[in-house]
């Protein structure tokens, strides 16, 4: 019952986000009225095209390829970036050493990493995964580093004075604070993973949704281009709101104890 209550509250809270999406759709419709369907199909026309391509075998295959590459790159970027960032957060010297490196990696455009990946790995799915990892890893690294570096050291010292061990202090003091930095970083990483994967597929012609985008562009099929873009955005939203946000809510249940009448912030 507790789970169903949480699920009901979570679904009910989605109305605010739905209002934001409707505002985007209204602006999109206004641009369509100005430019016309040849330049920018309307939201309704795009949704009709989405309904047409969803059951098609080629779309299912392309979406599966893109999802595997994107989620693989996301998992690697999150795992490696979070672990190394959290470890570096315990060392002032490591922080001073790694911050310029992270800035340099973030300063290189994803398109440049795609070109290098094509040279190193050729036109294969590995180039898309590698590009996602390199482009998104610094974000998770920065989240892990800042989360550990900004922990309350006085609280940690107090727990140590009461005999709390390293693991107990990490689990009860550092991890709750770290999570508040990790999930914004992971959300950004997820969005980066999807868009970089599609970009790499489009340029390398390795199939997936990016490959279908290249084909639709060559045929000047604007409704299909918009439908594929909407599909990618929908996958990114699903990753965030069906995976990351529910996980965050479950891990941060302690925040609800200090909120009056269970009101969410």
Protein backbone atom coordinates (compact mmCIF):
# COMPACT_ATOMS: atom_id res chain seq x y z
CA UNK A 1 0.00 0.00 0.00
CA UNK A 2 2.86 2.36 0.76
CA UNK A 3 4.25 1.78 -2.73
CA UNK A 4 0.89 2.47 -4.40
CA UNK A 5 0.51 5.62 -2.33
CA UNK A 6 3.94 6.81 -3.42
CA UNK A 7 3.20 5.91 -7.07
CA UNK A 8 -0.06 7.86 -6.95
CA UNK A 9 1.63 10.94 -5.52
CA UNK A 10 4.43 10.68 -8.07
CA UNK A 11 2.04 10.42 -11.02
CA UNK A 12 -0.09 13.27 -9.68
CA UNK A 13 2.99 15.51 -9.43
CA UNK A 14 3.53 15.08 -13.19
CA UNK A 15 0.85 17.66 -14.04
CA UNK A 16 3.32 20.55 -13.64
CA UNK A 17 5.75 18.99 -16.10
CA UNK A 18 2.88 18.26 -18.49
CA UNK A 19 1.94 21.95 -18.41
CA UNK A 20 5.51 22.83 -19.39
CA UNK A 21 5.37 20.42 -22.33
CA UNK A 22 2.06 21.92 -23.43
CA UNK A 23 3.66 25.39 -23.39
CA UNK A 24 6.38 24.08 -25.70
CA UNK A 25 3.69 22.56 -27.95
CA UNK A 26 1.87 25.93 -28.05
CA UNK A 27 5.06 27.74 -29.11
CA UNK A 28 5.67 25.01 -31.68
CA UNK A 29 2.14 25.46 -33.06
CA UNK A 30 2.70 29.22 -33.28
CA UNK A 31 5.91 28.70 -35.27
CA UNK A 32 4.05 26.26 -37.53
CA UNK A 33 1.36 28.86 -38.23
CA UNK A 34 4.07 31.33 -39.23
CA UNK A 35 6.33 29.08 -41.34
CA UNK A 36 3.89 26.47 -42.63
CA UNK A 37 4.01 22.67 -42.79
CA UNK A 38 6.78 22.56 -45.40
CA UNK A 39 9.27 24.09 -42.96
CA UNK A 40 7.83 23.03 -39.61
CA UNK A 41 5.01 20.47 -39.35
CA UNK A 42 2.49 21.07 -36.57
CA UNK A 43 2.55 19.06 -33.34
CA UNK A 44 -0.57 17.18 -34.48
CA UNK A 45 0.98 16.28 -37.83
CA UNK A 46 4.12 15.12 -36.06
CA UNK A 47 2.14 12.95 -33.64
CA UNK A 48 0.32 11.36 -36.58
CA UNK A 49 3.69 10.51 -38.14
CA UNK A 50 4.89 9.11 -34.80
CA UNK A 51 1.82 6.86 -34.71
CA UNK A 52 2.66 5.68 -38.24
CA UNK A 53 6.31 4.82 -37.60
CA UNK A 54 5.96 3.30 -34.09
CA UNK A 55 4.74 -0.14 -35.25
CA UNK A 56 7.18 -0.29 -38.17
CA UNK A 57 9.88 -3.00 -37.82
CA UNK A 58 12.63 -0.63 -38.97
CA UNK A 59 11.75 1.84 -36.22
CA UNK A 60 11.72 -0.84 -33.52
CA UNK A 61 15.13 -2.04 -34.71
CA UNK A 62 16.56 1.49 -34.93
CA UNK A 63 15.19 2.49 -31.52
CA UNK A 64 16.65 -0.66 -29.97
CA UNK A 65 20.10 0.03 -31.43
CA UNK A 66 20.07 3.64 -30.22
CA UNK A 67 18.78 2.67 -26.78
CA UNK A 68 21.48 0.02 -26.28
CA UNK A 69 24.26 2.41 -27.31
CA UNK A 70 22.90 5.32 -25.31
CA UNK A 71 22.22 3.36 -22.12
CA UNK A 72 25.56 1.55 -22.35
CA UNK A 73 27.41 4.85 -22.67
CA UNK A 74 25.27 6.34 -19.89
CA UNK A 75 26.00 3.43 -17.53
CA UNK A 76 29.74 3.60 -18.21
CA UNK A 77 29.86 7.38 -17.82
CA UNK A 78 27.86 7.30 -14.59
CA UNK A 79 29.77 4.35 -13.11
CA UNK A 80 33.29 5.52 -13.94
CA UNK A 81 32.62 9.23 -13.45
CA UNK A 82 30.83 8.88 -10.11
CA UNK A 83 33.39 6.47 -8.65
CA UNK A 84 36.45 8.47 -9.69
CA UNK A 85 34.81 11.76 -8.71
CA UNK A 86 33.87 10.49 -5.25
CA UNK A 87 37.41 9.17 -4.68
CA UNK A 88 38.94 12.46 -5.88
CA UNK A 89 36.64 14.37 -3.52
CA UNK A 90 38.55 12.98 -0.54
CA UNK A 91 41.86 14.41 -1.77
CA UNK A 92 42.52 18.14 -2.17
CA UNK A 93 45.49 17.40 -4.44
CA UNK A 94 43.35 15.16 -6.69
CA UNK A 95 40.71 17.89 -6.93
CA UNK A 96 43.30 20.48 -7.98
CA UNK A 97 44.73 18.01 -10.50
CA UNK A 98 41.48 16.80 -12.08
CA UNK A 99 39.41 19.98 -12.33
CA UNK A 100 41.42 21.42 -15.27
CA UNK A 101 41.28 18.02 -16.98
CA UNK A 102 37.48 17.95 -16.66
CA UNK A 103 37.28 21.50 -18.02
CA UNK A 104 39.42 20.55 -21.02
CA UNK A 105 37.27 17.47 -21.80
CA UNK A 106 34.05 19.48 -21.46
CA UNK A 107 35.52 22.19 -23.69
CA UNK A 108 35.96 19.81 -26.60
CA UNK A 109 32.74 19.78 -28.70
CA UNK A 110 30.99 16.38 -28.98
CA UNK A 111 31.31 16.62 -32.77
CA UNK A 112 35.11 16.55 -32.38
CA UNK A 113 34.93 13.41 -30.23
CA UNK A 114 32.70 11.81 -32.85
CA UNK A 115 35.28 12.50 -35.57
CA UNK A 116 38.06 11.03 -33.41
CA UNK A 117 35.90 8.01 -32.53
CA UNK A 118 35.24 7.36 -36.22
CA UNK A 119 38.99 7.41 -36.85
CA UNK A 120 39.76 5.13 -33.90
CA UNK A 121 36.81 2.71 -34.02
CA UNK A 122 35.49 3.09 -37.56
CA UNK A 123 31.81 3.20 -38.47
CA UNK A 124 30.51 0.95 -35.71
CA UNK A 125 28.36 1.18 -32.61
CA UNK A 126 31.51 1.44 -30.49
CA UNK A 127 32.16 4.93 -31.80
CA UNK A 128 28.79 6.14 -30.49
CA UNK A 129 29.31 4.52 -27.09
CA UNK A 130 32.83 5.95 -26.78
CA UNK A 131 31.61 9.42 -27.70
CA UNK A 132 28.87 9.27 -25.08
CA UNK A 133 31.31 8.15 -22.39
CA UNK A 134 33.86 10.87 -23.13
CA UNK A 135 31.24 13.62 -23.51
CA UNK A 136 29.16 12.69 -20.46
CA UNK A 137 31.69 11.27 -17.98
CA UNK A 138 33.00 14.68 -16.77
CA UNK A 139 29.48 15.66 -15.67
CA UNK A 140 29.12 12.66 -13.37
CA UNK A 141 32.72 13.12 -12.23
CA UNK A 142 32.03 16.71 -11.22
CA UNK A 143 28.86 15.67 -9.36
CA UNK A 144 30.67 12.97 -7.39
CA UNK A 145 33.61 15.23 -6.64
CA UNK A 146 31.53 18.17 -5.41
CA UNK A 147 29.24 15.90 -3.41
CA UNK A 148 32.10 14.42 -1.41
CA UNK A 149 34.18 17.60 -1.20
CA UNK A 150 31.30 19.67 0.25
CA UNK A 151 30.28 17.14 2.93
CA UNK A 152 29.99 18.38 6.51
CA UNK A 153 33.40 17.52 7.97
CA UNK A 154 32.39 18.67 11.44
CA UNK A 155 29.49 16.19 11.44
CA UNK A 156 31.86 13.49 10.21
CA UNK A 157 34.30 14.29 13.03
CA UNK A 158 31.49 14.12 15.58
CA UNK A 159 30.42 10.69 14.31
CA UNK A 160 34.03 9.53 14.45
CA UNK A 161 34.31 10.72 18.07
CA UNK A 162 31.35 8.45 18.92
CA UNK A 163 33.16 5.47 17.44
CA UNK A 164 31.45 5.31 14.02
CA UNK A 165 33.57 3.47 11.49
CA UNK A 166 34.51 4.59 7.98
CA UNK A 167 31.73 2.61 6.25
CA UNK A 168 29.03 3.72 8.71
CA UNK A 169 30.01 7.38 8.33
CA UNK A 170 30.10 7.06 4.55
CA UNK A 171 26.70 5.32 4.37
CA UNK A 172 24.82 7.55 6.82
CA UNK A 173 26.50 10.94 6.37
CA UNK A 174 28.29 11.16 3.04
CA UNK A 175 25.93 9.21 0.78
CA UNK A 176 22.75 11.25 1.55
CA UNK A 177 24.68 14.44 0.85
CA UNK A 178 26.32 12.94 -2.23
CA UNK A 179 22.98 11.89 -3.75
CA UNK A 180 21.77 15.50 -3.84
CA UNK A 181 24.69 16.27 -6.20
CA UNK A 182 24.62 13.05 -8.19
CA UNK A 183 21.07 13.02 -9.50
CA UNK A 184 21.22 16.46 -11.20
CA UNK A 185 24.49 15.32 -12.79
CA UNK A 186 22.99 11.98 -13.83
CA UNK A 187 19.94 13.70 -15.32
CA UNK A 188 22.20 15.89 -17.45
CA UNK A 189 24.28 12.84 -18.36
CA UNK A 190 21.17 10.96 -19.53
CA UNK A 191 20.08 13.79 -21.84
CA UNK A 192 23.62 14.13 -23.17
CA UNK A 193 23.81 10.39 -23.81
CA UNK A 194 20.70 10.32 -26.02
CA UNK A 195 21.55 13.37 -28.11
CA UNK A 196 25.23 12.46 -28.56
CA UNK A 197 24.30 8.90 -29.58
CA UNK A 198 21.91 10.14 -32.26
CA UNK A 199 24.49 12.66 -33.49
CA UNK A 200 27.17 9.98 -33.72
CA UNK A 201 24.82 7.61 -35.58
CA UNK A 202 23.85 10.34 -38.03
CA UNK A 203 27.44 11.25 -38.87
CA UNK A 204 28.82 7.70 -38.91
CA UNK A 205 25.84 6.13 -40.71
CA UNK A 206 25.74 3.20 -38.27
CA UNK A 207 21.98 2.72 -38.19
CA UNK A 208 19.81 3.55 -35.22
CA UNK A 209 17.58 6.59 -35.04
CA UNK A 210 20.48 8.78 -36.20
CA UNK A 211 20.79 6.72 -39.38
CA UNK A 212 17.05 7.03 -40.01
CA UNK A 213 17.34 10.79 -39.46
CA UNK A 214 20.03 10.93 -42.14
CA UNK A 215 17.77 9.03 -44.55
CA UNK A 216 14.76 11.26 -43.81
CA UNK A 217 16.91 14.35 -44.30
CA UNK A 218 18.16 13.07 -47.67
CA UNK A 219 14.56 12.47 -48.75
CA UNK A 220 13.51 15.86 -47.33
CA UNK A 221 10.80 14.10 -45.33
CA UNK A 222 10.28 16.83 -42.71
CA UNK A 223 7.37 15.15 -40.85
CA UNK A 224 9.46 12.00 -40.39
CA UNK A 225 12.44 14.07 -39.19
CA UNK A 226 10.24 15.75 -36.58
CA UNK A 227 8.69 12.42 -35.57
CA UNK A 228 12.13 10.89 -35.00
CA UNK A 229 13.21 13.92 -32.95
CA UNK A 230 10.08 13.61 -30.81
CA UNK A 231 10.82 9.91 -30.31
CA UNK A 232 14.35 10.68 -29.06
CA UNK A 233 13.02 13.35 -26.69
CA UNK A 234 10.41 10.87 -25.41
CA UNK A 235 13.14 8.30 -24.69
CA UNK A 236 15.15 10.92 -22.81
CA UNK A 237 12.08 11.87 -20.76
CA UNK A 238 11.38 8.21 -19.99
CA UNK A 239 14.96 7.72 -18.81
CA UNK A 240 14.67 10.70 -16.47
CA UNK A 241 11.12 10.36 -15.16
CA UNK A 242 10.66 6.58 -15.27
CA UNK A 243 14.15 5.65 -14.03
CA UNK A 244 16.13 8.43 -12.35
CA UNK A 245 13.41 10.40 -10.54
CA UNK A 246 11.68 7.35 -9.00
CA UNK A 247 15.09 6.08 -7.89
CA UNK A 248 15.88 9.45 -6.34
CA UNK A 249 12.54 9.55 -4.53
CA UNK A 250 13.16 6.12 -3.05
CA UNK A 251 16.70 6.99 -1.95
CA UNK A 252 15.70 10.36 -0.48
CA UNK A 253 12.70 9.25 1.56
CA UNK A 254 14.40 10.76 4.62
CA UNK A 255 13.60 14.24 3.28
CA UNK A 256 9.85 13.65 3.72
CA UNK A 257 10.26 13.33 7.50
CA UNK A 258 10.87 17.08 7.84
CA UNK A 259 8.11 18.21 5.49
CA UNK A 260 4.71 19.26 6.88
CA UNK A 261 1.84 16.98 5.83
CA UNK A 262 4.08 15.24 3.34
CA UNK A 263 4.24 18.29 1.04
CA UNK A 264 6.87 17.84 -1.63
CA UNK A 265 9.34 20.67 -2.19
